[in-house]
């Protein structure tokens, strides 16, 4: 808890020790929301790249497909390979 407060929340030593549990929980919640927003932005870029290559019958990727907090289940090895093939085709590789 202390390490998260000091490192991730960037609280000073005095700031950390003067927080109430409710204040700390509010800061942690806000930090998690910010991390999810950053994951969404990265997922948006990844989905645009993945969807930039027209594929016959290809899957349309959503930002949440690339967000670790939104992944419902792990991809199989075959799904990972299919994604990487589609991704590299976008750069001219066959």
PDB file of N, CA and C in Angstrom:
ATOM      1  N   UNK A   1       0.826  -1.175   0.000  1.00  0.00           N
ATOM      2  CA  UNK A   1       0.000   0.000   0.000  1.00  0.00           C
ATOM      3  C   UNK A   1       0.885   1.259   0.000  1.00  0.00           C
ATOM      4  N   UNK A   2       1.873   1.258   0.854  1.00  0.00           N
ATOM      5  CA  UNK A   2       2.768   2.403   0.929  1.00  0.00           C
ATOM      6  C   UNK A   2       3.500   2.597  -0.398  1.00  0.00           C
ATOM      7  N   UNK A   3       4.021   1.500  -0.967  1.00  0.00           N
ATOM      8  CA  UNK A   3       4.770   1.589  -2.223  1.00  0.00           C
ATOM      9  C   UNK A   3       3.869   2.090  -3.353  1.00  0.00           C
ATOM     10  N   UNK A   4       2.640   1.624  -3.408  1.00  0.00           N
ATOM     11  CA  UNK A   4       1.702   2.077  -4.435  1.00  0.00           C
ATOM     12  C   UNK A   4       1.425   3.571  -4.275  1.00  0.00           C
ATOM     13  N   UNK A   5       1.202   3.983  -3.057  1.00  0.00           N
ATOM     14  CA  UNK A   5       0.942   5.392  -2.794  1.00  0.00           C
ATOM     15  C   UNK A   5       2.122   6.278  -3.157  1.00  0.00           C
ATOM     16  N   UNK A   6       3.305   5.836  -2.797  1.00  0.00           N
ATOM     17  CA  UNK A   6       4.499   6.655  -3.055  1.00  0.00           C
ATOM     18  C   UNK A   6       4.896   6.622  -4.524  1.00  0.00           C
ATOM     19  N   UNK A   7       4.936   5.421  -5.111  1.00  0.00           N
ATOM     20  CA  UNK A   7       5.443   5.289  -6.480  1.00  0.00           C
ATOM     21  C   UNK A   7       4.366   5.585  -7.524  1.00  0.00           C
ATOM     22  N   UNK A   8       3.246   4.890  -7.455  1.00  0.00           N
ATOM     23  CA  UNK A   8       2.215   5.017  -8.489  1.00  0.00           C
ATOM     24  C   UNK A   8       1.393   6.292  -8.348  1.00  0.00           C
ATOM     25  N   UNK A   9       1.062   6.643  -7.130  1.00  0.00           N
ATOM     26  CA  UNK A   9       0.274   7.851  -6.921  1.00  0.00           C
ATOM     27  C   UNK A   9       1.153   9.088  -6.758  1.00  0.00           C
ATOM     28  N   UNK A  10       2.454   8.857  -6.630  1.00  0.00           N
ATOM     29  CA  UNK A  10       3.431   9.939  -6.512  1.00  0.00           C
ATOM     30  C   UNK A  10       3.167  10.861  -5.317  1.00  0.00           C
ATOM     31  N   UNK A  11       2.776  10.246  -4.227  1.00  0.00           N
ATOM     32  CA  UNK A  11       2.520  11.004  -2.997  1.00  0.00           C
ATOM     33  C   UNK A  11       3.819  11.180  -2.225  1.00  0.00           C
ATOM     34  N   UNK A  12       3.959  12.316  -1.590  1.00  0.00           N
ATOM     35  CA  UNK A  12       5.078  12.523  -0.687  1.00  0.00           C
ATOM     36  C   UNK A  12       4.859  11.714   0.583  1.00  0.00           C
ATOM     37  N   UNK A  13       5.918  11.543   1.328  1.00  0.00           N
ATOM     38  CA  UNK A  13       5.831  10.764   2.579  1.00  0.00           C
ATOM     39  C   UNK A  13       4.759  11.336   3.508  1.00  0.00           C
ATOM     40  N   UNK A  14       4.784  12.634   3.747  1.00  0.00           N
ATOM     41  CA  UNK A  14       3.782  13.258   4.624  1.00  0.00           C
ATOM     42  C   UNK A  14       2.382  13.156   4.034  1.00  0.00           C
ATOM     43  N   UNK A  15       2.272  13.377   2.722  1.00  0.00           N
ATOM     44  CA  UNK A  15       0.953  13.277   2.084  1.00  0.00           C
ATOM     45  C   UNK A  15       0.357  11.890   2.299  1.00  0.00           C
ATOM     46  N   UNK A  16       1.180  10.864   2.091  1.00  0.00           N
ATOM     47  CA  UNK A  16       0.679   9.493   2.236  1.00  0.00           C
ATOM     48  C   UNK A  16       0.176   9.232   3.655  1.00  0.00           C
ATOM     49  N   UNK A  17       0.965   9.584   4.649  1.00  0.00           N
ATOM     50  CA  UNK A  17       0.620   9.250   6.025  1.00  0.00           C
ATOM     51  C   UNK A  17      -0.521  10.103   6.579  1.00  0.00           C
ATOM     52  N   UNK A  18      -0.860  11.191   5.909  1.00  0.00           N
ATOM     53  CA  UNK A  18      -1.962  12.025   6.376  1.00  0.00           C
ATOM     54  C   UNK A  18      -3.286  11.735   5.663  1.00  0.00           C
ATOM     55  N   UNK A  19      -3.286  10.768   4.772  1.00  0.00           N
ATOM     56  CA  UNK A  19      -4.524  10.397   4.083  1.00  0.00           C
ATOM     57  C   UNK A  19      -5.399   9.528   4.977  1.00  0.00           C
ATOM     58  N   UNK A  20      -6.703   9.714   4.858  1.00  0.00           N
ATOM     59  CA  UNK A  20      -7.627   8.778   5.499  1.00  0.00           C
ATOM     60  C   UNK A  20      -7.786   7.584   4.557  1.00  0.00           C
ATOM     61  N   UNK A  21      -8.242   6.448   5.070  1.00  0.00           N
ATOM     62  CA  UNK A  21      -8.474   5.307   4.176  1.00  0.00           C
ATOM     63  C   UNK A  21      -9.426   5.649   3.017  1.00  0.00           C
ATOM     64  N   UNK A  22     -10.434   6.454   3.280  1.00  0.00           N
ATOM     65  CA  UNK A  22     -11.379   6.840   2.232  1.00  0.00           C
ATOM     66  C   UNK A  22     -10.690   7.703   1.168  1.00  0.00           C
ATOM     67  N   UNK A  23      -9.839   8.614   1.581  1.00  0.00           N
ATOM     68  CA  UNK A  23      -9.110   9.439   0.623  1.00  0.00           C
ATOM     69  C   UNK A  23      -8.165   8.578  -0.225  1.00  0.00           C
ATOM     70  N   UNK A  24      -7.490   7.652   0.444  1.00  0.00           N
ATOM     71  CA  UNK A  24      -6.578   6.765  -0.274  1.00  0.00           C
ATOM     72  C   UNK A  24      -7.353   5.943  -1.302  1.00  0.00           C
ATOM     73  N   UNK A  25      -8.495   5.396  -0.916  1.00  0.00           N
ATOM     74  CA  UNK A  25      -9.305   4.591  -1.827  1.00  0.00           C
ATOM     75  C   UNK A  25      -9.773   5.424  -3.018  1.00  0.00           C
ATOM     76  N   UNK A  26     -10.127   6.684  -2.789  1.00  0.00           N
ATOM     77  CA  UNK A  26     -10.556   7.561  -3.883  1.00  0.00           C
ATOM     78  C   UNK A  26      -9.403   7.807  -4.850  1.00  0.00           C
ATOM     79  N   UNK A  27      -8.197   8.004  -4.329  1.00  0.00           N
ATOM     80  CA  UNK A  27      -7.038   8.204  -5.195  1.00  0.00           C
ATOM     81  C   UNK A  27      -6.721   6.948  -6.001  1.00  0.00           C
ATOM     82  N   UNK A  28      -6.821   5.795  -5.362  1.00  0.00           N
ATOM     83  CA  UNK A  28      -6.574   4.536  -6.059  1.00  0.00           C
ATOM     84  C   UNK A  28      -7.604   4.344  -7.170  1.00  0.00           C
ATOM     85  N   UNK A  29      -8.855   4.623  -6.895  1.00  0.00           N
ATOM     86  CA  UNK A  29      -9.905   4.488  -7.908  1.00  0.00           C
ATOM     87  C   UNK A  29      -9.644   5.422  -9.090  1.00  0.00           C
ATOM     88  N   UNK A  30      -9.271   6.656  -8.790  1.00  0.00           N
ATOM     89  CA  UNK A  30      -8.977   7.611  -9.855  1.00  0.00           C
ATOM     90  C   UNK A  30      -7.776   7.171 -10.674  1.00  0.00           C
ATOM     91  N   UNK A  31      -6.772   6.608 -10.021  1.00  0.00           N
ATOM     92  CA  UNK A  31      -5.590   6.103 -10.721  1.00  0.00           C
ATOM     93  C   UNK A  31      -5.981   4.958 -11.664  1.00  0.00           C
ATOM     94  N   UNK A  32      -6.824   4.045 -11.197  1.00  0.00           N
ATOM     95  CA  UNK A  32      -7.273   2.927 -12.027  1.00  0.00           C
ATOM     96  C   UNK A  32      -8.053   3.417 -13.234  1.00  0.00           C
ATOM     97  N   UNK A  33      -8.883   4.447 -13.057  1.00  0.00           N
ATOM     98  CA  UNK A  33      -9.626   5.024 -14.179  1.00  0.00           C
ATOM     99  C   UNK A  33      -8.671   5.640 -15.199  1.00  0.00           C
ATOM    100  N   UNK A  34      -7.652   6.311 -14.719  1.00  0.00           N
ATOM    101  CA  UNK A  34      -6.670   6.919 -15.615  1.00  0.00           C
ATOM    102  C   UNK A  34      -5.907   5.843 -16.393  1.00  0.00           C
ATOM    103  N   UNK A  35      -5.556   4.744 -15.728  1.00  0.00           N
ATOM    104  CA  UNK A  35      -4.853   3.663 -16.408  1.00  0.00           C
ATOM    105  C   UNK A  35      -5.748   3.028 -17.473  1.00  0.00           C
ATOM    106  N   UNK A  36      -7.032   2.879 -17.170  1.00  0.00           N
ATOM    107  CA  UNK A  36      -7.960   2.307 -18.148  1.00  0.00           C
ATOM    108  C   UNK A  36      -8.087   3.229 -19.361  1.00  0.00           C
ATOM    109  N   UNK A  37      -8.130   4.548 -19.141  1.00  0.00           N
ATOM    110  CA  UNK A  37      -8.197   5.503 -20.235  1.00  0.00           C
ATOM    111  C   UNK A  37      -6.941   5.401 -21.099  1.00  0.00           C
ATOM    112  N   UNK A  38      -5.777   5.252 -20.485  1.00  0.00           N
ATOM    113  CA  UNK A  38      -4.542   5.095 -21.247  1.00  0.00           C
ATOM    114  C   UNK A  38      -4.554   3.792 -22.041  1.00  0.00           C
ATOM    115  N   UNK A  39      -5.063   2.721 -21.431  1.00  0.00           N
ATOM    116  CA  UNK A  39      -5.188   1.454 -22.149  1.00  0.00           C
ATOM    117  C   UNK A  39      -6.129   1.601 -23.338  1.00  0.00           C
ATOM    118  N   UNK A  40      -7.215   2.354 -23.153  1.00  0.00           N
ATOM    119  CA  UNK A  40      -8.168   2.565 -24.243  1.00  0.00           C
ATOM    120  C   UNK A  40      -7.499   3.292 -25.407  1.00  0.00           C
ATOM    121  N   UNK A  41      -6.744   4.339 -25.092  1.00  0.00           N
ATOM    122  CA  UNK A  41      -6.082   5.092 -26.154  1.00  0.00           C
ATOM    123  C   UNK A  41      -5.105   4.213 -26.925  1.00  0.00           C
ATOM    124  N   UNK A  42      -4.342   3.399 -26.227  1.00  0.00           N
ATOM    125  CA  UNK A  42      -3.415   2.491 -26.904  1.00  0.00           C
ATOM    126  C   UNK A  42      -4.195   1.449 -27.707  1.00  0.00           C
ATOM    127  N   UNK A  43      -5.304   0.957 -27.140  1.00  0.00           N
ATOM    128  CA  UNK A  43      -6.146  -0.004 -27.848  1.00  0.00           C
ATOM    129  C   UNK A  43      -6.776   0.584 -29.089  1.00  0.00           C
ATOM    130  N   UNK A  44      -7.117   1.862 -29.031  1.00  0.00           N
ATOM    131  CA  UNK A  44      -7.693   2.540 -30.189  1.00  0.00           C
ATOM    132  C   UNK A  44      -6.682   2.588 -31.330  1.00  0.00           C
ATOM    133  N   UNK A  45      -5.450   2.944 -31.011  1.00  0.00           N
ATOM    134  CA  UNK A  45      -4.397   2.984 -32.036  1.00  0.00           C
ATOM    135  C   UNK A  45      -4.178   1.581 -32.604  1.00  0.00           C
ATOM    136  N   UNK A  46      -4.081   0.592 -31.733  1.00  0.00           N
ATOM    137  CA  UNK A  46      -3.858  -0.784 -32.194  1.00  0.00           C
ATOM    138  C   UNK A  46      -5.013  -1.275 -33.061  1.00  0.00           C
ATOM    139  N   UNK A  47      -6.243  -0.941 -32.700  1.00  0.00           N
ATOM    140  CA  UNK A  47      -7.388  -1.400 -33.493  1.00  0.00           C
ATOM    141  C   UNK A  47      -7.434  -0.711 -34.854  1.00  0.00           C
ATOM    142  N   UNK A  48      -7.054   0.565 -34.911  1.00  0.00           N
ATOM    143  CA  UNK A  48      -7.009   1.259 -36.203  1.00  0.00           C
ATOM    144  C   UNK A  48      -5.973   0.602 -37.111  1.00  0.00           C
ATOM    145  N   UNK A  49      -4.820   0.287 -36.563  1.00  0.00           N
ATOM    146  CA  UNK A  49      -3.777  -0.378 -37.355  1.00  0.00           C
ATOM    147  C   UNK A  49      -4.260  -1.751 -37.808  1.00  0.00           C
ATOM    148  N   UNK A  50      -4.827  -2.523 -36.894  1.00  0.00           N
ATOM    149  CA  UNK A  50      -5.292  -3.872 -37.233  1.00  0.00           C
ATOM    150  C   UNK A  50      -6.415  -3.842 -38.259  1.00  0.00           C
ATOM    151  N   UNK A  51      -7.264  -2.828 -38.212  1.00  0.00           N
ATOM    152  CA  UNK A  51      -8.392  -2.737 -39.140  1.00  0.00           C
ATOM    153  C   UNK A  51      -8.035  -2.017 -40.440  1.00  0.00           C
ATOM    154  N   UNK A  52      -6.820  -1.513 -40.552  1.00  0.00           N
ATOM    155  CA  UNK A  52      -6.450  -0.749 -41.743  1.00  0.00           C
ATOM    156  C   UNK A  52      -6.218  -1.625 -42.965  1.00  0.00           C
ATOM    157  N   UNK A  53      -6.057  -2.903 -42.756  1.00  0.00           N
ATOM    158  CA  UNK A  53      -5.839  -3.824 -43.865  1.00  0.00           C
ATOM    159  C   UNK A  53      -7.159  -4.509 -44.188  1.00  0.00           C
ATOM    160  N   UNK A  54      -7.711  -4.244 -45.382  1.00  0.00           N
ATOM    161  CA  UNK A  54      -8.965  -4.919 -45.723  1.00  0.00           C
ATOM    162  C   UNK A  54      -8.718  -6.420 -45.902  1.00  0.00           C
ATOM    163  N   UNK A  55      -9.531  -7.213 -45.252  1.00  0.00           N
ATOM    164  CA  UNK A  55      -9.416  -8.664 -45.333  1.00  0.00           C
ATOM    165  C   UNK A  55     -10.776  -9.233 -45.668  1.00  0.00           C
ATOM    166  N   UNK A  56     -10.784 -10.189 -46.544  1.00  0.00           N
ATOM    167  CA  UNK A  56     -12.031 -10.843 -46.912  1.00  0.00           C
ATOM    168  C   UNK A  56     -12.541 -11.630 -45.709  1.00  0.00           C
ATOM    169  N   UNK A  57     -13.735 -11.277 -45.254  1.00  0.00           N
ATOM    170  CA  UNK A  57     -14.310 -11.972 -44.097  1.00  0.00           C
ATOM    171  C   UNK A  57     -13.520 -11.759 -42.823  1.00  0.00           C
ATOM    172  N   UNK A  58     -12.692 -10.723 -42.789  1.00  0.00           N
ATOM    173  CA  UNK A  58     -11.834 -10.482 -41.627  1.00  0.00           C
ATOM    174  C   UNK A  58     -12.602  -9.916 -40.453  1.00  0.00           C
ATOM    175  N   UNK A  59     -12.061 -10.130 -39.311  1.00  0.00           N
ATOM    176  CA  UNK A  59     -12.646  -9.636 -38.073  1.00  0.00           C
ATOM    177  C   UNK A  59     -12.397  -8.136 -37.944  1.00  0.00           C
ATOM    178  N   UNK A  60     -13.354  -7.426 -37.380  1.00  0.00           N
ATOM    179  CA  UNK A  60     -13.181  -6.007 -37.080  1.00  0.00           C
ATOM    180  C   UNK A  60     -12.786  -5.907 -35.607  1.00  0.00           C
ATOM    181  N   UNK A  61     -11.628  -5.333 -35.367  1.00  0.00           N
ATOM    182  CA  UNK A  61     -11.118  -5.232 -34.007  1.00  0.00           C
ATOM    183  C   UNK A  61     -11.625  -3.971 -33.324  1.00  0.00           C
ATOM    184  N   UNK A  62     -11.890  -4.085 -32.037  1.00  0.00           N
ATOM    185  CA  UNK A  62     -12.316  -2.961 -31.195  1.00  0.00           C
ATOM    186  C   UNK A  62     -11.158  -2.599 -30.265  1.00  0.00           C
ATOM    187  N   UNK A  63     -11.138  -1.372 -29.765  1.00  0.00           N
ATOM    188  CA  UNK A  63     -10.083  -1.006 -28.822  1.00  0.00           C
ATOM    189  C   UNK A  63     -10.011  -1.962 -27.617  1.00  0.00           C
ATOM    190  N   UNK A  64     -11.155  -2.428 -27.155  1.00  0.00           N
ATOM    191  CA  UNK A  64     -11.163  -3.316 -25.988  1.00  0.00           C
ATOM    192  C   UNK A  64     -10.476  -4.657 -26.259  1.00  0.00           C
ATOM    193  N   UNK A  65     -10.331  -5.034 -27.544  1.00  0.00           N
ATOM    194  CA  UNK A  65      -9.612  -6.269 -27.871  1.00  0.00           C
ATOM    195  C   UNK A  65      -8.135  -6.170 -27.496  1.00  0.00           C
ATOM    196  N   UNK A  66      -7.640  -4.954 -27.329  1.00  0.00           N
ATOM    197  CA  UNK A  66      -6.231  -4.733 -27.037  1.00  0.00           C
ATOM    198  C   UNK A  66      -6.001  -4.183 -25.634  1.00  0.00           C
ATOM    199  N   UNK A  67      -7.058  -4.167 -24.838  1.00  0.00           N
ATOM    200  CA  UNK A  67      -6.954  -3.632 -23.482  1.00  0.00           C
ATOM    201  C   UNK A  67      -6.868  -4.781 -22.483  1.00  0.00           C
ATOM    202  N   UNK A  68      -5.788  -4.849 -21.718  1.00  0.00           N
ATOM    203  CA  UNK A  68      -5.649  -5.959 -20.777  1.00  0.00           C
ATOM    204  C   UNK A  68      -6.763  -6.002 -19.738  1.00  0.00           C
ATOM    205  N   UNK A  69      -7.323  -4.854 -19.370  1.00  0.00           N
ATOM    206  CA  UNK A  69      -8.380  -4.851 -18.360  1.00  0.00           C
ATOM    207  C   UNK A  69      -9.721  -5.256 -18.932  1.00  0.00           C
ATOM    208  N   UNK A  70      -9.870  -5.233 -20.248  1.00  0.00           N
ATOM    209  CA  UNK A  70     -11.141  -5.556 -20.886  1.00  0.00           C
ATOM    210  C   UNK A  70     -11.156  -6.928 -21.544  1.00  0.00           C
ATOM    211  N   UNK A  71     -10.017  -7.597 -21.560  1.00  0.00           N
ATOM    212  CA  UNK A  71      -9.940  -8.904 -22.206  1.00  0.00           C
ATOM    213  C   UNK A  71     -10.743  -9.899 -21.400  1.00  0.00           C
ATOM    214  N   UNK A  72     -11.693 -10.531 -22.036  1.00  0.00           N
ATOM    215  CA  UNK A  72     -12.552 -11.490 -21.350  1.00  0.00           C
ATOM    216  C   UNK A  72     -11.850 -12.841 -21.190  1.00  0.00           C
ATOM    217  N   UNK A  73     -11.132 -13.224 -22.221  1.00  0.00           N
ATOM    218  CA  UNK A  73     -10.402 -14.483 -22.157  1.00  0.00           C
ATOM    219  C   UNK A  73      -9.110 -14.339 -22.937  1.00  0.00           C
ATOM    220  N   UNK A  74      -8.179 -15.207 -22.652  1.00  0.00           N
ATOM    221  CA  UNK A  74      -6.903 -15.138 -23.349  1.00  0.00           C
ATOM    222  C   UNK A  74      -7.076 -15.650 -24.770  1.00  0.00           C
ATOM    223  N   UNK A  75      -6.298 -15.075 -25.677  1.00  0.00           N
ATOM    224  CA  UNK A  75      -6.322 -15.538 -27.050  1.00  0.00           C
ATOM    225  C   UNK A  75      -5.614 -16.881 -27.137  1.00  0.00           C
ATOM    226  N   UNK A  76      -6.111 -17.708 -28.046  1.00  0.00           N
ATOM    227  CA  UNK A  76      -5.422 -18.969 -28.313  1.00  0.00           C
ATOM    228  C   UNK A  76      -4.199 -18.647 -29.163  1.00  0.00           C
ATOM    229  N   UNK A  77      -3.313 -19.604 -29.285  1.00  0.00           N
ATOM    230  CA  UNK A  77      -2.124 -19.422 -30.112  1.00  0.00           C
ATOM    231  C   UNK A  77      -2.524 -19.152 -31.560  1.00  0.00           C
ATOM    232  N   UNK A  78      -3.588 -19.820 -32.025  1.00  0.00           N
ATOM    233  CA  UNK A  78      -4.056 -19.631 -33.395  1.00  0.00           C
ATOM    234  C   UNK A  78      -4.596 -18.207 -33.602  1.00  0.00           C
ATOM    235  N   UNK A  79      -5.311 -17.677 -32.613  1.00  0.00           N
ATOM    236  CA  UNK A  79      -5.826 -16.314 -32.702  1.00  0.00           C
ATOM    237  C   UNK A  79      -4.681 -15.304 -32.705  1.00  0.00           C
ATOM    238  N   UNK A  80      -3.672 -15.543 -31.886  1.00  0.00           N
ATOM    239  CA  UNK A  80      -2.521 -14.654 -31.852  1.00  0.00           C
ATOM    240  C   UNK A  80      -1.788 -14.669 -33.194  1.00  0.00           C
ATOM    241  N   UNK A  81      -1.618 -15.865 -33.767  1.00  0.00           N
ATOM    242  CA  UNK A  81      -0.943 -15.985 -35.057  1.00  0.00           C
ATOM    243  C   UNK A  81      -1.741 -15.284 -36.151  1.00  0.00           C
ATOM    244  N   UNK A  82      -3.071 -15.472 -36.167  1.00  0.00           N
ATOM    245  CA  UNK A  82      -3.921 -14.822 -37.165  1.00  0.00           C
ATOM    246  C   UNK A  82      -3.825 -13.306 -37.041  1.00  0.00           C
ATOM    247  N   UNK A  83      -3.816 -12.801 -35.820  1.00  0.00           N
ATOM    248  CA  UNK A  83      -3.694 -11.360 -35.626  1.00  0.00           C
ATOM    249  C   UNK A  83      -2.357 -10.854 -36.140  1.00  0.00           C
ATOM    250  N   UNK A  84      -1.277 -11.533 -35.794  1.00  0.00           N
ATOM    251  CA  UNK A  84       0.045 -11.083 -36.217  1.00  0.00           C
ATOM    252  C   UNK A  84       0.190 -11.138 -37.736  1.00  0.00           C
ATOM    253  N   UNK A  85      -0.401 -12.139 -38.382  1.00  0.00           N
ATOM    254  CA  UNK A  85      -0.354 -12.199 -39.844  1.00  0.00           C
ATOM    255  C   UNK A  85      -1.088 -11.006 -40.436  1.00  0.00           C
ATOM    256  N   UNK A  86      -2.281 -10.700 -39.908  1.00  0.00           N
ATOM    257  CA  UNK A  86      -3.051  -9.562 -40.396  1.00  0.00           C
ATOM    258  C   UNK A  86      -2.292  -8.267 -40.135  1.00  0.00           C
ATOM    259  N   UNK A  87      -1.657  -8.168 -38.996  1.00  0.00           N
ATOM    260  CA  UNK A  87      -0.915  -6.972 -38.638  1.00  0.00           C
ATOM    261  C   UNK A  87       0.268  -6.758 -39.580  1.00  0.00           C
ATOM    262  N   UNK A  88       1.047  -7.813 -39.834  1.00  0.00           N
ATOM    263  CA  UNK A  88       2.220  -7.666 -40.692  1.00  0.00           C
ATOM    264  C   UNK A  88       1.834  -7.457 -42.143  1.00  0.00           C
ATOM    265  N   UNK A  89       0.680  -7.953 -42.573  1.00  0.00           N
ATOM    266  CA  UNK A  89       0.224  -7.701 -43.943  1.00  0.00           C
ATOM    267  C   UNK A  89       0.019  -6.204 -44.156  1.00  0.00           C
ATOM    268  N   UNK A  90      -0.345  -5.511 -43.107  1.00  0.00           N
ATOM    269  CA  UNK A  90      -0.549  -4.061 -43.200  1.00  0.00           C
ATOM    270  C   UNK A  90       0.740  -3.317 -43.519  1.00  0.00           C
ATOM    271  N   UNK A  91       1.867  -3.946 -43.263  1.00  0.00           N
ATOM    272  CA  UNK A  91       3.158  -3.326 -43.555  1.00  0.00           C
ATOM    273  C   UNK A  91       3.784  -3.889 -44.818  1.00  0.00           C
ATOM    274  N   UNK A  92       2.994  -4.631 -45.599  1.00  0.00           N
ATOM    275  CA  UNK A  92       3.485  -5.145 -46.873  1.00  0.00           C
ATOM    276  C   UNK A  92       4.117  -6.514 -46.792  1.00  0.00           C
ATOM    277  N   UNK A  93       4.164  -7.133 -45.628  1.00  0.00           N
ATOM    278  CA  UNK A  93       4.721  -8.491 -45.506  1.00  0.00           C
ATOM    279  C   UNK A  93       3.662  -9.509 -45.860  1.00  0.00           C
ATOM    280  N   UNK A  94       4.075 -10.574 -46.468  1.00  0.00           N
ATOM    281  CA  UNK A  94       3.130 -11.653 -46.832  1.00  0.00           C
ATOM    282  C   UNK A  94       3.467 -12.914 -46.098  1.00  0.00           C
TER     283      UNK A  94
END
